[in-house]
Amino acid sequence: MPQTSATAEYKTFENKSTCEKGIVIGDWKVTTRKDRIFNSEEIDKVLEDTKIPQLPEMFFGYNHVTIENTKTNVKWTYNAIEAIRNVQINLKENENWIRVAVADKWNATRNKEEEEKKKIVRPYDWTFSTDFRGKVENTEVEITKEQIDMRKLMRRDPIIFFDQIILYEDELADNGIATLDAKVRVMPTGIFVLCRFFLRIENVLFRSNDTRVYVEFDKNYMLSEYFSREMSFEDVKKVL
């Protein structure tokens, strides 16, 4: 049965056969999907399509968060396959390499030939860092100076729908962790999505790439912001 919020009628839904659930409120529809990780055959297809040599250990290729305007058909989608396209491949020698901290200690006690064998040398960004900001369909993106009003998001408005979706995750051969996930919450006045890539390499660095999308129901557009932050492991320890 449809329910009524302070601003619009809404209806939640769930389809267990497709692993999807969501909410329809006013002219907007939010859909999330939590499904299994890709099998080897599905992974091979992604590798062939994206040309990346390897995928994260846990790759949830069916998972997604999608915001859709049912009148204009505008869509904003977050999924693993589109995100992995933004991972750098075909890196040149010494370009954007990140080596684990233990390598320096190891190198100090071995000759140059052994050092070359120990280096992490892969023709792609092995941390799976992505600046993916979502796939936008059926509209044009315009640059604006307008910012998301975080004060509105900090209000204790009732949350009528919430979900968190993991898109991919990798423990980087026990050297840290790389994760990409998306959180969505729907309030009576709007929709907020946070898609975050988080990277921790033990004793080396932390990195966070955030995309925020905000829909206010009394406005006819979506507002998006992107932030990228990086700090060395030592600098983070000083702050803690």
Protein backbone atom coordinates (compact mmCIF):
# COMPACT_ATOMS: atom_id res chain seq x y z
CA MET A 1 0.00 0.00 0.00
CA PRO A 2 1.34 3.46 -0.88
CA GLN A 3 2.38 5.61 2.04
CA THR A 4 2.53 9.37 2.38
CA SER A 5 5.54 11.42 3.46
CA ALA A 6 5.58 15.08 4.38
CA THR A 7 5.94 16.02 0.70
CA ALA A 8 4.87 13.12 -1.54
CA GLU A 9 3.30 9.71 -1.70
CA TYR A 10 5.81 6.87 -1.88
CA LYS A 11 5.88 3.12 -2.27
CA THR A 12 8.69 0.69 -1.50
CA PHE A 13 9.17 -2.52 -3.47
CA GLU A 14 11.26 -5.69 -3.42
CA ASN A 15 11.82 -8.38 -6.03
CA LYS A 16 13.67 -11.35 -4.55
CA SER A 17 14.02 -13.07 -7.93
CA THR A 18 16.15 -10.19 -9.25
CA CYS A 19 17.72 -9.31 -5.86
CA GLU A 20 16.37 -5.79 -6.29
CA LYS A 21 14.52 -3.43 -4.00
CA GLY A 22 13.79 0.27 -3.95
CA ILE A 23 11.33 3.08 -3.59
CA VAL A 24 9.15 5.20 -5.85
CA ILE A 25 8.46 8.68 -4.54
CA GLY A 26 6.91 11.41 -6.65
CA ASP A 27 8.61 11.38 -10.06
CA TRP A 28 11.64 9.53 -8.74
CA LYS A 29 12.56 5.87 -8.51
CA VAL A 30 15.53 4.43 -6.61
CA THR A 31 16.57 0.84 -7.29
CA THR A 32 19.34 -1.17 -5.62
CA ARG A 33 20.56 -4.68 -6.31
CA LYS A 34 22.56 -7.00 -4.04
CA ASP A 35 23.64 -10.11 -5.86
CA ARG A 36 26.47 -12.67 -5.92
CA ILE A 37 30.03 -12.10 -7.09
CA PHE A 38 30.84 -12.81 -10.72
CA ASN A 39 31.90 -16.32 -11.67
CA SER A 40 34.95 -17.09 -13.83
CA GLU A 41 33.04 -16.97 -17.11
CA GLU A 42 31.48 -13.60 -16.28
CA ILE A 43 34.86 -12.28 -15.16
CA ASP A 44 36.47 -13.33 -18.45
CA LYS A 45 33.86 -11.33 -20.36
CA VAL A 46 34.58 -8.21 -18.31
CA LEU A 47 38.34 -8.64 -18.77
CA GLU A 48 37.88 -8.90 -22.52
CA ASP A 49 35.56 -5.91 -22.64
CA THR A 50 37.55 -3.56 -20.39
CA LYS A 51 41.07 -4.79 -21.30
CA ILE A 52 42.12 -4.69 -17.65
CA PRO A 53 44.40 -7.68 -16.86
CA GLN A 54 42.74 -8.55 -13.55
CA LEU A 55 39.60 -7.78 -11.54
CA PRO A 56 39.27 -7.32 -7.77
CA GLU A 57 38.91 -10.53 -5.76
CA MET A 58 35.26 -9.83 -5.01
CA PHE A 59 33.59 -8.29 -8.03
CA PHE A 60 29.83 -7.77 -7.71
CA GLY A 61 29.09 -7.10 -11.35
CA TYR A 62 25.32 -7.31 -10.98
CA ASN A 63 25.09 -4.91 -8.04
CA HIS A 64 24.00 -1.35 -8.68
CA VAL A 65 22.38 1.78 -7.32
CA THR A 66 20.20 3.61 -9.82
CA ILE A 67 18.29 6.88 -9.50
CA GLU A 68 15.71 7.49 -12.21
CA ASN A 69 13.25 10.24 -13.00
CA THR A 70 10.17 8.44 -14.28
CA LYS A 71 8.97 11.45 -16.30
CA THR A 72 12.20 12.45 -18.06
CA ASN A 73 13.91 9.00 -18.04
CA VAL A 74 17.07 10.59 -16.67
CA LYS A 75 19.21 7.93 -14.97
CA TRP A 76 22.25 8.05 -12.71
CA THR A 77 23.75 4.61 -12.10
CA TYR A 78 26.61 3.23 -10.03
CA ASN A 79 27.91 -0.24 -10.89
CA ALA A 80 31.18 -2.15 -10.81
CA ILE A 81 31.67 -2.69 -14.55
CA GLU A 82 31.47 1.01 -15.39
CA ALA A 83 33.67 1.86 -12.41
CA ILE A 84 36.43 -0.56 -13.39
CA ARG A 85 36.69 1.12 -16.80
CA ASN A 86 38.21 4.12 -15.02
CA VAL A 87 41.09 2.11 -13.55
CA GLN A 88 44.34 3.01 -15.28
CA ILE A 89 45.79 0.35 -17.57
CA ASN A 90 48.87 0.21 -19.79
CA LEU A 91 50.89 2.21 -17.29
CA LYS A 92 54.41 3.08 -18.36
CA GLU A 93 57.44 2.09 -16.31
CA ASN A 94 57.64 4.11 -13.08
CA GLU A 95 54.29 5.78 -13.80
CA ASN A 96 51.99 5.90 -10.79
CA TRP A 97 53.51 2.77 -9.22
CA ILE A 98 52.71 2.16 -5.57
CA ARG A 99 54.97 -0.29 -3.80
CA VAL A 100 54.26 -1.85 -0.45
CA ALA A 101 56.26 -0.62 2.51
CA VAL A 102 57.94 -3.98 3.21
CA ALA A 103 59.68 -3.79 -0.16
CA ASP A 104 62.14 -1.14 1.05
CA LYS A 105 63.25 -3.26 4.00
CA TRP A 106 63.55 -6.27 1.75
CA ASN A 107 65.60 -4.36 -0.81
CA ALA A 108 68.09 -3.24 1.80
CA THR A 109 69.35 -6.79 2.27
CA ARG A 110 69.37 -8.02 -1.32
CA ASN A 111 71.22 -7.26 -4.50
CA LYS A 112 69.83 -5.41 -7.48
CA GLU A 113 68.83 -8.55 -9.37
CA GLU A 114 66.73 -9.81 -6.46
CA GLU A 115 65.26 -6.35 -6.00
CA GLU A 116 63.94 -6.34 -9.54
CA LYS A 117 62.17 -9.64 -8.88
CA LYS A 118 60.52 -8.30 -5.72
CA LYS A 119 59.12 -5.11 -7.25
CA ILE A 120 55.42 -4.99 -7.84
CA VAL A 121 55.36 -4.49 -11.58
CA ARG A 122 52.00 -4.79 -13.28
CA PRO A 123 50.76 -3.04 -16.43
CA TYR A 124 47.77 -1.54 -14.62
CA ASP A 125 46.87 0.18 -11.37
CA TRP A 126 46.87 -2.84 -9.06
CA THR A 127 45.06 -0.83 -6.34
CA PHE A 128 41.96 -0.63 -8.58
CA SER A 129 41.66 3.10 -7.83
CA THR A 130 38.77 4.64 -9.74
CA ASP A 131 37.41 8.16 -10.10
CA PHE A 132 34.09 6.82 -11.40
CA ARG A 133 31.38 9.41 -10.81
CA GLY A 134 28.38 7.48 -12.05
CA LYS A 135 26.90 6.73 -15.45
CA VAL A 136 24.46 9.43 -16.56
CA GLU A 137 21.86 8.76 -19.24
CA ASN A 138 19.30 10.85 -21.14
CA THR A 139 20.55 14.25 -20.02
CA GLU A 140 23.50 16.61 -20.28
CA VAL A 141 25.85 17.39 -17.42
CA GLU A 142 26.54 21.06 -16.77
CA ILE A 143 29.30 22.59 -14.66
CA THR A 144 27.97 24.71 -11.80
CA LYS A 145 29.25 26.59 -8.79
CA GLU A 146 26.25 25.47 -6.76
CA GLN A 147 27.16 23.12 -3.94
CA ILE A 148 25.23 20.49 -2.05
CA ASP A 149 23.74 22.02 1.08
CA MET A 150 25.23 19.73 3.73
CA ARG A 151 23.17 21.46 6.43
CA LYS A 152 20.04 19.94 4.92
CA LEU A 153 21.64 16.50 4.93
CA MET A 154 22.63 16.90 8.57
CA ARG A 155 19.03 17.50 9.62
CA ARG A 156 17.32 14.62 11.37
CA ASP A 157 14.74 14.10 8.67
CA PRO A 158 13.11 10.66 8.67
CA ILE A 159 14.80 8.13 6.39
CA ILE A 160 12.15 6.25 4.44
CA PHE A 161 14.62 4.12 2.44
CA PHE A 162 18.29 3.20 2.90
CA ASP A 163 20.68 0.71 1.35
CA GLN A 164 24.41 0.11 1.02
CA ILE A 165 25.78 -1.79 -1.97
CA ILE A 166 29.30 -3.20 -2.31
CA LEU A 167 30.53 -3.00 -5.90
CA TYR A 168 33.99 -4.52 -5.51
CA GLU A 169 36.61 -5.31 -2.88
CA ASP A 170 40.20 -6.57 -2.85
CA GLU A 171 42.68 -7.17 -0.02
CA LEU A 172 45.65 -6.40 -2.30
CA ALA A 173 47.52 -9.60 -1.50
CA ASP A 174 47.26 -8.87 2.25
CA ASN A 175 48.89 -5.46 1.77
CA GLY A 176 45.75 -3.47 2.59
CA ILE A 177 42.28 -3.09 1.14
CA ALA A 178 40.52 -1.44 -1.78
CA THR A 179 36.74 -1.10 -1.75
CA LEU A 180 34.09 0.59 -3.83
CA ASP A 181 30.59 0.92 -2.42
CA ALA A 182 27.52 3.10 -2.76
CA LYS A 183 25.08 4.23 -0.08
CA VAL A 184 21.68 5.70 -0.80
CA ARG A 185 19.13 7.24 1.53
CA VAL A 186 15.75 8.70 0.72
CA MET A 187 14.11 11.34 2.87
CA PRO A 188 10.69 12.97 2.42
CA THR A 189 12.47 15.94 0.80
CA GLY A 190 15.12 14.30 -1.36
CA ILE A 191 17.61 11.57 -2.27
CA PHE A 192 21.28 11.40 -1.32
CA VAL A 193 23.86 8.99 -2.76
CA LEU A 194 27.47 8.59 -1.64
CA CYS A 195 29.71 6.44 -3.83
CA ARG A 196 33.14 5.95 -2.24
CA PHE A 197 36.34 4.31 -3.37
CA PHE A 198 38.53 3.69 -0.31
CA LEU A 199 42.13 2.50 -0.39
CA ARG A 200 44.44 1.58 2.45
CA ILE A 201 47.93 0.27 1.76
CA GLU A 202 49.59 -0.80 4.99
CA ASN A 203 52.30 1.62 6.10
CA VAL A 204 52.07 3.52 2.80
CA LEU A 205 48.92 5.58 2.23
CA PHE A 206 45.18 6.15 2.50
CA ARG A 207 43.05 7.34 -0.43
CA SER A 208 39.38 8.24 -0.71
CA ASN A 209 37.47 9.21 -3.87
CA ASP A 210 33.91 10.35 -3.09
CA THR A 211 31.03 11.18 -5.41
CA ARG A 212 27.95 12.72 -3.84
CA VAL A 213 24.63 13.10 -5.62
CA TYR A 214 21.72 15.02 -4.16
CA VAL A 215 18.18 15.31 -5.45
CA GLU A 216 15.81 17.83 -3.90
CA PHE A 217 12.25 17.03 -4.86
CA ASP A 218 11.32 20.69 -5.25
CA LYS A 219 14.05 21.17 -7.90
CA ASN A 220 14.22 19.80 -11.44
CA TYR A 221 17.86 18.69 -11.42
CA MET A 222 20.40 16.51 -9.64
CA LEU A 223 23.50 18.02 -8.06
CA SER A 224 26.79 16.09 -7.98
CA GLU A 225 30.15 16.73 -6.29
CA TYR A 226 33.44 14.82 -6.48
CA PHE A 227 36.23 14.85 -3.90
CA SER A 228 39.57 13.03 -3.92
CA ARG A 229 41.79 12.86 -0.84
CA GLU A 230 45.08 11.12 -0.22
CA MET A 231 47.36 11.03 2.81
CA SER A 232 50.43 9.04 3.74
CA PHE A 233 50.18 6.39 6.43
CA GLU A 234 52.57 8.37 8.64
CA ASP A 235 50.58 11.60 8.32
CA VAL A 236 47.38 9.80 9.30
CA LYS A 237 49.08 8.36 12.38
CA LYS A 238 50.12 11.87 13.43
CA VAL A 239 46.52 13.07 13.32
CA LEU A 240 45.12 10.14 15.30
